[in-house]
mmCIF file of all heavy atoms, coordinates in Angstrom:
data_MODEL
# 
_entry.id   MODEL 
# 
loop_
_atom_site.group_PDB 
_atom_site.id 
_atom_site.type_symbol 
_atom_site.label_atom_id 
_atom_site.label_alt_id 
_atom_site.label_comp_id 
_atom_site.label_asym_id 
_atom_site.label_entity_id 
_atom_site.label_seq_id 
_atom_site.pdbx_PDB_ins_code 
_atom_site.Cartn_x 
_atom_site.Cartn_y 
_atom_site.Cartn_z 
_atom_site.occupancy 
_atom_site.B_iso_or_equiv 
_atom_site.pdbx_formal_charge 
_atom_site.auth_seq_id 
_atom_site.auth_comp_id 
_atom_site.auth_asym_id 
_atom_site.auth_atom_id 
_atom_site.pdbx_PDB_model_num 
ATOM 1   N N   . TYR A 1 1  ? 107.785 139.901 61.804 1.00 0.00 ? 1  TYR A N   1 
ATOM 2   C CA  . TYR A 1 1  ? 106.611 140.634 62.036 1.00 0.00 ? 1  TYR A CA  1 
ATOM 3   C C   . TYR A 1 1  ? 105.524 140.137 61.035 1.00 0.00 ? 1  TYR A C   1 
ATOM 4   O O   . TYR A 1 1  ? 105.766 139.737 59.970 1.00 0.00 ? 1  TYR A O   1 
ATOM 5   C CB  . TYR A 1 1  ? 106.888 142.111 61.756 1.00 0.00 ? 1  TYR A CB  1 
ATOM 6   C CG  . TYR A 1 1  ? 107.839 142.724 62.666 1.00 0.00 ? 1  TYR A CG  1 
ATOM 7   C CD1 . TYR A 1 1  ? 109.161 142.907 62.397 1.00 0.00 ? 1  TYR A CD1 1 
ATOM 8   C CD2 . TYR A 1 1  ? 107.429 143.173 63.971 1.00 0.00 ? 1  TYR A CD2 1 
ATOM 9   C CE1 . TYR A 1 1  ? 110.057 143.422 63.294 1.00 0.00 ? 1  TYR A CE1 1 
ATOM 10  C CE2 . TYR A 1 1  ? 108.265 143.798 64.847 1.00 0.00 ? 1  TYR A CE2 1 
ATOM 11  C CZ  . TYR A 1 1  ? 109.656 143.894 64.505 1.00 0.00 ? 1  TYR A CZ  1 
ATOM 12  O OH  . TYR A 1 1  ? 110.461 144.418 65.406 1.00 0.00 ? 1  TYR A OH  1 
ATOM 13  N N   . ASN A 1 2  ? 104.331 140.281 61.489 1.00 0.00 ? 2  ASN A N   1 
ATOM 14  C CA  . ASN A 1 2  ? 103.120 139.835 60.663 1.00 0.00 ? 2  ASN A CA  1 
ATOM 15  C C   . ASN A 1 2  ? 102.917 140.750 59.477 1.00 0.00 ? 2  ASN A C   1 
ATOM 16  O O   . ASN A 1 2  ? 102.404 140.307 58.424 1.00 0.00 ? 2  ASN A O   1 
ATOM 17  C CB  . ASN A 1 2  ? 101.857 139.857 61.536 1.00 0.00 ? 2  ASN A CB  1 
ATOM 18  C CG  . ASN A 1 2  ? 101.915 138.761 62.658 1.00 0.00 ? 2  ASN A CG  1 
ATOM 19  O OD1 . ASN A 1 2  ? 102.348 137.620 62.331 1.00 0.00 ? 2  ASN A OD1 1 
ATOM 20  N ND2 . ASN A 1 2  ? 101.393 139.099 63.798 1.00 0.00 ? 2  ASN A ND2 1 
ATOM 21  N N   . ASN A 1 3  ? 103.342 141.961 59.623 1.00 0.00 ? 3  ASN A N   1 
ATOM 22  C CA  . ASN A 1 3  ? 103.174 142.877 58.537 1.00 0.00 ? 3  ASN A CA  1 
ATOM 23  C C   . ASN A 1 3  ? 104.146 144.101 58.815 1.00 0.00 ? 3  ASN A C   1 
ATOM 24  O O   . ASN A 1 3  ? 104.710 144.294 59.838 1.00 0.00 ? 3  ASN A O   1 
ATOM 25  C CB  . ASN A 1 3  ? 101.690 143.378 58.353 1.00 0.00 ? 3  ASN A CB  1 
ATOM 26  C CG  . ASN A 1 3  ? 101.140 143.880 59.676 1.00 0.00 ? 3  ASN A CG  1 
ATOM 27  O OD1 . ASN A 1 3  ? 101.687 144.830 60.307 1.00 0.00 ? 3  ASN A OD1 1 
ATOM 28  N ND2 . ASN A 1 3  ? 99.996  143.280 60.075 1.00 0.00 ? 3  ASN A ND2 1 
ATOM 29  N N   . GLU A 1 4  ? 104.198 145.004 57.793 1.00 0.00 ? 4  GLU A N   1 
ATOM 30  C CA  . GLU A 1 4  ? 105.057 146.121 57.918 1.00 0.00 ? 4  GLU A CA  1 
ATOM 31  C C   . GLU A 1 4  ? 104.647 147.172 58.941 1.00 0.00 ? 4  GLU A C   1 
ATOM 32  O O   . GLU A 1 4  ? 105.414 147.895 59.537 1.00 0.00 ? 4  GLU A O   1 
ATOM 33  C CB  . GLU A 1 4  ? 105.184 146.758 56.469 1.00 0.00 ? 4  GLU A CB  1 
ATOM 34  C CG  . GLU A 1 4  ? 105.763 145.943 55.463 1.00 0.00 ? 4  GLU A CG  1 
ATOM 35  C CD  . GLU A 1 4  ? 105.556 146.461 54.060 1.00 0.00 ? 4  GLU A CD  1 
ATOM 36  O OE1 . GLU A 1 4  ? 105.017 147.561 53.907 1.00 0.00 ? 4  GLU A OE1 1 
ATOM 37  O OE2 . GLU A 1 4  ? 105.992 145.741 53.109 1.00 0.00 ? 4  GLU A OE2 1 
ATOM 38  N N   . GLN A 1 5  ? 103.320 147.218 59.067 1.00 0.00 ? 5  GLN A N   1 
ATOM 39  C CA  . GLN A 1 5  ? 102.744 148.192 60.109 1.00 0.00 ? 5  GLN A CA  1 
ATOM 40  C C   . GLN A 1 5  ? 103.338 147.855 61.517 1.00 0.00 ? 5  GLN A C   1 
ATOM 41  O O   . GLN A 1 5  ? 103.645 148.706 62.286 1.00 0.00 ? 5  GLN A O   1 
ATOM 42  C CB  . GLN A 1 5  ? 101.206 147.983 60.122 1.00 0.00 ? 5  GLN A CB  1 
ATOM 43  C CG  . GLN A 1 5  ? 100.504 148.605 58.920 1.00 0.00 ? 5  GLN A CG  1 
ATOM 44  C CD  . GLN A 1 5  ? 100.306 147.568 57.870 1.00 0.00 ? 5  GLN A CD  1 
ATOM 45  O OE1 . GLN A 1 5  ? 101.149 146.573 57.713 1.00 0.00 ? 5  GLN A OE1 1 
ATOM 46  N NE2 . GLN A 1 5  ? 99.343  147.751 56.977 1.00 0.00 ? 5  GLN A NE2 1 
ATOM 47  N N   . GLU A 1 6  ? 103.334 146.572 61.867 1.00 0.00 ? 6  GLU A N   1 
ATOM 48  C CA  . GLU A 1 6  ? 103.809 146.121 63.177 1.00 0.00 ? 6  GLU A CA  1 
ATOM 49  C C   . GLU A 1 6  ? 105.341 146.483 63.290 1.00 0.00 ? 6  GLU A C   1 
ATOM 50  O O   . GLU A 1 6  ? 105.794 146.942 64.353 1.00 0.00 ? 6  GLU A O   1 
ATOM 51  C CB  . GLU A 1 6  ? 103.757 144.643 63.373 1.00 0.00 ? 6  GLU A CB  1 
ATOM 52  C CG  . GLU A 1 6  ? 102.273 144.207 63.553 1.00 0.00 ? 6  GLU A CG  1 
ATOM 53  C CD  . GLU A 1 6  ? 102.162 142.691 63.830 1.00 0.00 ? 6  GLU A CD  1 
ATOM 54  O OE1 . GLU A 1 6  ? 103.168 141.973 63.679 1.00 0.00 ? 6  GLU A OE1 1 
ATOM 55  O OE2 . GLU A 1 6  ? 101.069 142.224 64.234 1.00 0.00 ? 6  GLU A OE2 1 
ATOM 56  N N   . ALA A 1 7  ? 106.081 146.278 62.268 1.00 0.00 ? 7  ALA A N   1 
ATOM 57  C CA  . ALA A 1 7  ? 107.457 146.685 62.265 1.00 0.00 ? 7  ALA A CA  1 
ATOM 58  C C   . ALA A 1 7  ? 107.726 148.150 62.485 1.00 0.00 ? 7  ALA A C   1 
ATOM 59  O O   . ALA A 1 7  ? 108.595 148.531 63.240 1.00 0.00 ? 7  ALA A O   1 
ATOM 60  C CB  . ALA A 1 7  ? 108.131 146.185 60.968 1.00 0.00 ? 7  ALA A CB  1 
ATOM 61  N N   . ILE A 1 8  ? 106.915 148.949 61.870 1.00 0.00 ? 8  ILE A N   1 
ATOM 62  C CA  . ILE A 1 8  ? 107.078 150.412 61.980 1.00 0.00 ? 8  ILE A CA  1 
ATOM 63  C C   . ILE A 1 8  ? 106.693 150.853 63.472 1.00 0.00 ? 8  ILE A C   1 
ATOM 64  O O   . ILE A 1 8  ? 107.450 151.611 64.035 1.00 0.00 ? 8  ILE A O   1 
ATOM 65  C CB  . ILE A 1 8  ? 106.252 151.208 61.004 1.00 0.00 ? 8  ILE A CB  1 
ATOM 66  C CG1 . ILE A 1 8  ? 106.680 150.995 59.570 1.00 0.00 ? 8  ILE A CG1 1 
ATOM 67  C CG2 . ILE A 1 8  ? 106.158 152.695 61.276 1.00 0.00 ? 8  ILE A CG2 1 
ATOM 68  C CD1 . ILE A 1 8  ? 105.803 151.623 58.421 1.00 0.00 ? 8  ILE A CD1 1 
ATOM 69  N N   . ARG A 1 9  ? 105.658 150.353 63.967 1.00 0.00 ? 9  ARG A N   1 
ATOM 70  C CA  . ARG A 1 9  ? 105.281 150.721 65.339 1.00 0.00 ? 9  ARG A CA  1 
ATOM 71  C C   . ARG A 1 9  ? 106.330 150.276 66.320 1.00 0.00 ? 9  ARG A C   1 
ATOM 72  O O   . ARG A 1 9  ? 106.659 150.950 67.323 1.00 0.00 ? 9  ARG A O   1 
ATOM 73  C CB  . ARG A 1 9  ? 103.960 150.093 65.713 1.00 0.00 ? 9  ARG A CB  1 
ATOM 74  C CG  . ARG A 1 9  ? 102.764 150.638 64.952 1.00 0.00 ? 9  ARG A CG  1 
ATOM 75  C CD  . ARG A 1 9  ? 101.466 150.385 65.603 1.00 0.00 ? 9  ARG A CD  1 
ATOM 76  N NE  . ARG A 1 9  ? 101.388 150.893 66.967 1.00 0.00 ? 9  ARG A NE  1 
ATOM 77  C CZ  . ARG A 1 9  ? 101.030 152.153 67.274 1.00 0.00 ? 9  ARG A CZ  1 
ATOM 78  N NH1 . ARG A 1 9  ? 100.661 152.914 66.327 1.00 0.00 ? 9  ARG A NH1 1 
ATOM 79  N NH2 . ARG A 1 9  ? 100.937 152.545 68.537 1.00 0.00 ? 9  ARG A NH2 1 
ATOM 80  N N   . ASP A 1 10 ? 106.926 149.117 66.175 1.00 0.00 ? 10 ASP A N   1 
ATOM 81  C CA  . ASP A 1 10 ? 107.915 148.568 67.039 1.00 0.00 ? 10 ASP A CA  1 
ATOM 82  C C   . ASP A 1 10 ? 109.121 149.443 67.001 1.00 0.00 ? 10 ASP A C   1 
ATOM 83  O O   . ASP A 1 10 ? 109.697 149.762 68.028 1.00 0.00 ? 10 ASP A O   1 
ATOM 84  C CB  . ASP A 1 10 ? 108.251 147.129 66.668 1.00 0.00 ? 10 ASP A CB  1 
ATOM 85  C CG  . ASP A 1 10 ? 108.705 146.270 67.797 1.00 0.00 ? 10 ASP A CG  1 
ATOM 86  O OD1 . ASP A 1 10 ? 108.384 146.666 69.020 1.00 0.00 ? 10 ASP A OD1 1 
ATOM 87  O OD2 . ASP A 1 10 ? 109.408 145.256 67.671 1.00 0.00 ? 10 ASP A OD2 1 
ATOM 88  N N   . VAL A 1 11 ? 109.636 149.781 65.861 1.00 0.00 ? 11 VAL A N   1 
ATOM 89  C CA  . VAL A 1 11 ? 110.848 150.516 65.671 1.00 0.00 ? 11 VAL A CA  1 
ATOM 90  C C   . VAL A 1 11 ? 110.717 151.879 66.243 1.00 0.00 ? 11 VAL A C   1 
ATOM 91  O O   . VAL A 1 11 ? 111.648 152.575 66.835 1.00 0.00 ? 11 VAL A O   1 
ATOM 92  C CB  . VAL A 1 11 ? 111.461 150.532 64.283 1.00 0.00 ? 11 VAL A CB  1 
ATOM 93  C CG1 . VAL A 1 11 ? 110.613 151.512 63.467 1.00 0.00 ? 11 VAL A CG1 1 
ATOM 94  C CG2 . VAL A 1 11 ? 112.940 150.877 64.271 1.00 0.00 ? 11 VAL A CG2 1 
ATOM 95  N N   . LEU A 1 12 ? 109.491 152.535 66.163 1.00 0.00 ? 12 LEU A N   1 
ATOM 96  C CA  . LEU A 1 12 ? 109.306 153.866 66.668 1.00 0.00 ? 12 LEU A CA  1 
ATOM 97  C C   . LEU A 1 12 ? 109.289 153.836 68.234 1.00 0.00 ? 12 LEU A C   1 
ATOM 98  O O   . LEU A 1 12 ? 109.815 154.675 68.824 1.00 0.00 ? 12 LEU A O   1 
ATOM 99  C CB  . LEU A 1 12 ? 107.964 154.330 66.207 1.00 0.00 ? 12 LEU A CB  1 
ATOM 100 C CG  . LEU A 1 12 ? 107.893 154.746 64.717 1.00 0.00 ? 12 LEU A CG  1 
ATOM 101 C CD1 . LEU A 1 12 ? 106.414 155.250 64.329 1.00 0.00 ? 12 LEU A CD1 1 
ATOM 102 C CD2 . LEU A 1 12 ? 108.853 155.806 64.314 1.00 0.00 ? 12 LEU A CD2 1 
ATOM 103 N N   . ARG A 1 13 ? 108.593 152.888 68.823 1.00 0.00 ? 13 ARG A N   1 
ATOM 104 C CA  . ARG A 1 13 ? 108.573 152.793 70.253 1.00 0.00 ? 13 ARG A CA  1 
ATOM 105 C C   . ARG A 1 13 ? 109.891 152.450 70.822 1.00 0.00 ? 13 ARG A C   1 
ATOM 106 O O   . ARG A 1 13 ? 110.380 153.034 71.793 1.00 0.00 ? 13 ARG A O   1 
ATOM 107 C CB  . ARG A 1 13 ? 107.610 151.759 70.737 1.00 0.00 ? 13 ARG A CB  1 
ATOM 108 C CG  . ARG A 1 13 ? 106.101 152.078 70.467 1.00 0.00 ? 13 ARG A CG  1 
ATOM 109 C CD  . ARG A 1 13 ? 105.267 151.094 71.243 1.00 0.00 ? 13 ARG A CD  1 
ATOM 110 N NE  . ARG A 1 13 ? 105.279 151.391 72.687 1.00 0.00 ? 13 ARG A NE  1 
ATOM 111 C CZ  . ARG A 1 13 ? 104.699 150.587 73.602 1.00 0.00 ? 13 ARG A CZ  1 
ATOM 112 N NH1 . ARG A 1 13 ? 104.062 149.467 73.249 1.00 0.00 ? 13 ARG A NH1 1 
ATOM 113 N NH2 . ARG A 1 13 ? 104.759 150.875 74.881 1.00 0.00 ? 13 ARG A NH2 1 
ATOM 114 N N   . LEU A 1 14 ? 110.631 151.493 70.231 1.00 0.00 ? 14 LEU A N   1 
ATOM 115 C CA  . LEU A 1 14 ? 112.016 151.139 70.718 1.00 0.00 ? 14 LEU A CA  1 
ATOM 116 C C   . LEU A 1 14 ? 113.010 152.168 70.611 1.00 0.00 ? 14 LEU A C   1 
ATOM 117 O O   . LEU A 1 14 ? 113.796 152.319 71.486 1.00 0.00 ? 14 LEU A O   1 
ATOM 118 C CB  . LEU A 1 14 ? 112.391 149.870 69.939 1.00 0.00 ? 14 LEU A CB  1 
ATOM 119 C CG  . LEU A 1 14 ? 111.597 148.531 70.184 1.00 0.00 ? 14 LEU A CG  1 
ATOM 120 C CD1 . LEU A 1 14 ? 111.995 147.452 69.124 1.00 0.00 ? 14 LEU A CD1 1 
ATOM 121 C CD2 . LEU A 1 14 ? 111.866 147.987 71.636 1.00 0.00 ? 14 LEU A CD2 1 
ATOM 122 N N   . SER A 1 15 ? 112.954 152.954 69.435 1.00 0.00 ? 15 SER A N   1 
ATOM 123 C CA  . SER A 1 15 ? 114.031 154.007 69.319 1.00 0.00 ? 15 SER A CA  1 
ATOM 124 C C   . SER A 1 15 ? 113.721 155.162 70.370 1.00 0.00 ? 15 SER A C   1 
ATOM 125 O O   . SER A 1 15 ? 114.726 155.677 70.867 1.00 0.00 ? 15 SER A O   1 
ATOM 126 C CB  . SER A 1 15 ? 113.968 154.492 67.809 1.00 0.00 ? 15 SER A CB  1 
ATOM 127 O OG  . SER A 1 15 ? 112.626 154.963 67.502 1.00 0.00 ? 15 SER A OG  1 
ATOM 128 N N   . ARG A 1 16 ? 112.466 155.394 70.603 1.00 0.00 ? 16 ARG A N   1 
ATOM 129 C CA  . ARG A 1 16 ? 112.136 156.388 71.627 1.00 0.00 ? 16 ARG A CA  1 
ATOM 130 C C   . ARG A 1 16 ? 112.587 155.978 72.991 1.00 0.00 ? 16 ARG A C   1 
ATOM 131 O O   . ARG A 1 16 ? 113.207 156.780 73.718 1.00 0.00 ? 16 ARG A O   1 
ATOM 132 C CB  . ARG A 1 16 ? 110.584 156.637 71.605 1.00 0.00 ? 16 ARG A CB  1 
ATOM 133 C CG  . ARG A 1 16 ? 110.137 157.663 72.653 1.00 0.00 ? 16 ARG A CG  1 
ATOM 134 C CD  . ARG A 1 16 ? 108.642 157.922 72.404 1.00 0.00 ? 16 ARG A CD  1 
ATOM 135 N NE  . ARG A 1 16 ? 108.057 158.765 73.428 1.00 0.00 ? 16 ARG A NE  1 
ATOM 136 C CZ  . ARG A 1 16 ? 107.454 158.344 74.522 1.00 0.00 ? 16 ARG A CZ  1 
ATOM 137 N NH1 . ARG A 1 16 ? 107.281 157.060 74.683 1.00 0.00 ? 16 ARG A NH1 1 
ATOM 138 N NH2 . ARG A 1 16 ? 106.999 159.119 75.420 1.00 0.00 ? 16 ARG A NH2 1 
ATOM 139 N N   . GLY A 1 17 ? 112.434 154.699 73.285 1.00 0.00 ? 17 GLY A N   1 
ATOM 140 C CA  . GLY A 1 17 ? 112.878 154.168 74.516 1.00 0.00 ? 17 GLY A CA  1 
ATOM 141 C C   . GLY A 1 17 ? 114.418 154.279 74.703 1.00 0.00 ? 17 GLY A C   1 
ATOM 142 O O   . GLY A 1 17 ? 114.879 154.522 75.796 1.00 0.00 ? 17 GLY A O   1 
ATOM 143 N N   . MET A 1 18 ? 115.097 154.125 73.597 1.00 0.00 ? 18 MET A N   1 
ATOM 144 C CA  . MET A 1 18 ? 116.638 154.214 73.680 1.00 0.00 ? 18 MET A CA  1 
ATOM 145 C C   . MET A 1 18 ? 117.101 155.650 74.031 1.00 0.00 ? 18 MET A C   1 
ATOM 146 O O   . MET A 1 18 ? 118.066 155.835 74.720 1.00 0.00 ? 18 MET A O   1 
ATOM 147 C CB  . MET A 1 18 ? 117.221 153.809 72.311 1.00 0.00 ? 18 MET A CB  1 
ATOM 148 C CG  . MET A 1 18 ? 117.010 152.280 71.978 1.00 0.00 ? 18 MET A CG  1 
ATOM 149 S SD  . MET A 1 18 ? 117.713 151.153 73.217 1.00 0.00 ? 18 MET A SD  1 
ATOM 150 C CE  . MET A 1 18 ? 119.463 151.640 73.149 1.00 0.00 ? 18 MET A CE  1 
ATOM 151 N N   . THR A 1 19 ? 116.342 156.648 73.497 1.00 0.00 ? 19 THR A N   1 
ATOM 152 C CA  . THR A 1 19 ? 116.668 157.976 73.960 1.00 0.00 ? 19 THR A CA  1 
ATOM 153 C C   . THR A 1 19 ? 116.593 158.230 75.483 1.00 0.00 ? 19 THR A C   1 
ATOM 154 O O   . THR A 1 19 ? 117.579 158.754 76.070 1.00 0.00 ? 19 THR A O   1 
ATOM 155 C CB  . THR A 1 19 ? 115.730 158.993 73.239 1.00 0.00 ? 19 THR A CB  1 
ATOM 156 O OG1 . THR A 1 19 ? 115.927 158.996 71.836 1.00 0.00 ? 19 THR A OG1 1 
ATOM 157 C CG2 . THR A 1 19 ? 115.928 160.425 73.763 1.00 0.00 ? 19 THR A CG2 1 
ATOM 158 N N   . TYR A 1 20 ? 115.496 157.716 76.062 1.00 0.00 ? 20 TYR A N   1 
ATOM 159 C CA  . TYR A 1 20 ? 115.371 157.876 77.483 1.00 0.00 ? 20 TYR A CA  1 
ATOM 160 C C   . TYR A 1 20 ? 116.379 156.998 78.287 1.00 0.00 ? 20 TYR A C   1 
ATOM 161 O O   . TYR A 1 20 ? 116.875 157.306 79.301 1.00 0.00 ? 20 TYR A O   1 
ATOM 162 C CB  . TYR A 1 20 ? 113.911 157.571 77.905 1.00 0.00 ? 20 TYR A CB  1 
ATOM 163 C CG  . TYR A 1 20 ? 112.941 158.602 77.491 1.00 0.00 ? 20 TYR A CG  1 
ATOM 164 C CD1 . TYR A 1 20 ? 112.390 158.745 76.134 1.00 0.00 ? 20 TYR A CD1 1 
ATOM 165 C CD2 . TYR A 1 20 ? 112.617 159.627 78.426 1.00 0.00 ? 20 TYR A CD2 1 
ATOM 166 C CE1 . TYR A 1 20 ? 111.490 159.733 75.861 1.00 0.00 ? 20 TYR A CE1 1 
ATOM 167 C CE2 . TYR A 1 20 ? 111.684 160.693 78.044 1.00 0.00 ? 20 TYR A CE2 1 
ATOM 168 C CZ  . TYR A 1 20 ? 111.150 160.703 76.831 1.00 0.00 ? 20 TYR A CZ  1 
ATOM 169 O OH  . TYR A 1 20 ? 110.352 161.722 76.457 1.00 0.00 ? 20 TYR A OH  1 
ATOM 170 N N   . LYS A 1 21 ? 116.641 155.860 77.702 1.00 0.00 ? 21 LYS A N   1 
ATOM 171 C CA  . LYS A 1 21 ? 117.603 154.909 78.361 1.00 0.00 ? 21 LYS A CA  1 
ATOM 172 C C   . LYS A 1 21 ? 119.023 155.526 78.423 1.00 0.00 ? 21 LYS A C   1 
ATOM 173 O O   . LYS A 1 21 ? 119.588 155.514 79.421 1.00 0.00 ? 21 LYS A O   1 
ATOM 174 C CB  . LYS A 1 21 ? 117.663 153.550 77.570 1.00 0.00 ? 21 LYS A CB  1 
ATOM 175 C CG  . LYS A 1 21 ? 118.599 152.546 78.204 1.00 0.00 ? 21 LYS A CG  1 
ATOM 176 C CD  . LYS A 1 21 ? 118.636 151.343 77.322 1.00 0.00 ? 21 LYS A CD  1 
ATOM 177 C CE  . LYS A 1 21 ? 117.257 150.678 77.272 1.00 0.00 ? 21 LYS A CE  1 
ATOM 178 N NZ  . LYS A 1 21 ? 117.316 149.335 76.644 1.00 0.00 ? 21 LYS A NZ  1 
ATOM 179 N N   . ALA A 1 22 ? 119.395 156.117 77.252 1.00 0.00 ? 22 ALA A N   1 
ATOM 180 C CA  . ALA A 1 22 ? 120.753 156.755 77.322 1.00 0.00 ? 22 ALA A CA  1 
ATOM 181 C C   . ALA A 1 22 ? 120.830 157.958 78.264 1.00 0.00 ? 22 ALA A C   1 
ATOM 182 O O   . ALA A 1 22 ? 121.757 158.148 79.018 1.00 0.00 ? 22 ALA A O   1 
ATOM 183 C CB  . ALA A 1 22 ? 121.094 157.118 75.857 1.00 0.00 ? 22 ALA A CB  1 
ATOM 184 N N   . ALA A 1 23 ? 119.704 158.783 78.209 1.00 0.00 ? 23 ALA A N   1 
ATOM 185 C CA  . ALA A 1 23 ? 119.685 159.945 79.056 1.00 0.00 ? 23 ALA A CA  1 
ATOM 186 C C   . ALA A 1 23 ? 119.733 159.646 80.499 1.00 0.00 ? 23 ALA A C   1 
ATOM 187 O O   . ALA A 1 23 ? 120.449 160.235 81.254 1.00 0.00 ? 23 ALA A O   1 
ATOM 188 C CB  . ALA A 1 23 ? 118.441 160.839 78.679 1.00 0.00 ? 23 ALA A CB  1 
ATOM 189 N N   . ILE A 1 24 ? 118.774 158.785 80.892 1.00 0.00 ? 24 ILE A N   1 
ATOM 190 C CA  . ILE A 1 24 ? 118.723 158.408 82.358 1.00 0.00 ? 24 ILE A CA  1 
ATOM 191 C C   . ILE A 1 24 ? 120.007 157.697 82.850 1.00 0.00 ? 24 ILE A C   1 
ATOM 192 O O   . ILE A 1 24 ? 120.373 157.745 84.058 1.00 0.00 ? 24 ILE A O   1 
ATOM 193 C CB  . ILE A 1 24 ? 117.511 157.585 82.690 1.00 0.00 ? 24 ILE A CB  1 
ATOM 194 C CG1 . ILE A 1 24 ? 117.118 157.671 84.197 1.00 0.00 ? 24 ILE A CG1 1 
ATOM 195 C CG2 . ILE A 1 24 ? 117.714 156.117 82.194 1.00 0.00 ? 24 ILE A CG2 1 
ATOM 196 C CD1 . ILE A 1 24 ? 116.593 158.920 84.657 1.00 0.00 ? 24 ILE A CD1 1 
ATOM 197 N N   . SER A 1 25 ? 120.748 157.095 81.897 1.00 0.00 ? 25 SER A N   1 
ATOM 198 C CA  . SER A 1 25 ? 122.015 156.300 82.288 1.00 0.00 ? 25 SER A CA  1 
ATOM 199 C C   . SER A 1 25 ? 123.206 157.276 82.215 1.00 0.00 ? 25 SER A C   1 
ATOM 200 O O   . SER A 1 25 ? 124.312 156.809 82.524 1.00 0.00 ? 25 SER A O   1 
ATOM 201 C CB  . SER A 1 25 ? 122.218 155.119 81.325 1.00 0.00 ? 25 SER A CB  1 
ATOM 202 O OG  . SER A 1 25 ? 121.088 154.303 81.384 1.00 0.00 ? 25 SER A OG  1 
ATOM 203 N N   . GLY A 1 26 ? 123.016 158.541 81.974 1.00 0.00 ? 26 GLY A N   1 
ATOM 204 C CA  . GLY A 1 26 ? 124.131 159.422 81.983 1.00 0.00 ? 26 GLY A CA  1 
ATOM 205 C C   . GLY A 1 26 ? 125.095 159.330 80.713 1.00 0.00 ? 26 GLY A C   1 
ATOM 206 O O   . GLY A 1 26 ? 126.260 159.771 80.799 1.00 0.00 ? 26 GLY A O   1 
# 
């Protein structure tokens, strides 16, 4: 990552996506 800010934004979006991924997949 170019900086820590990018890393934080990435991990927040990706972790949120995992919640929906697990839920929709049963």
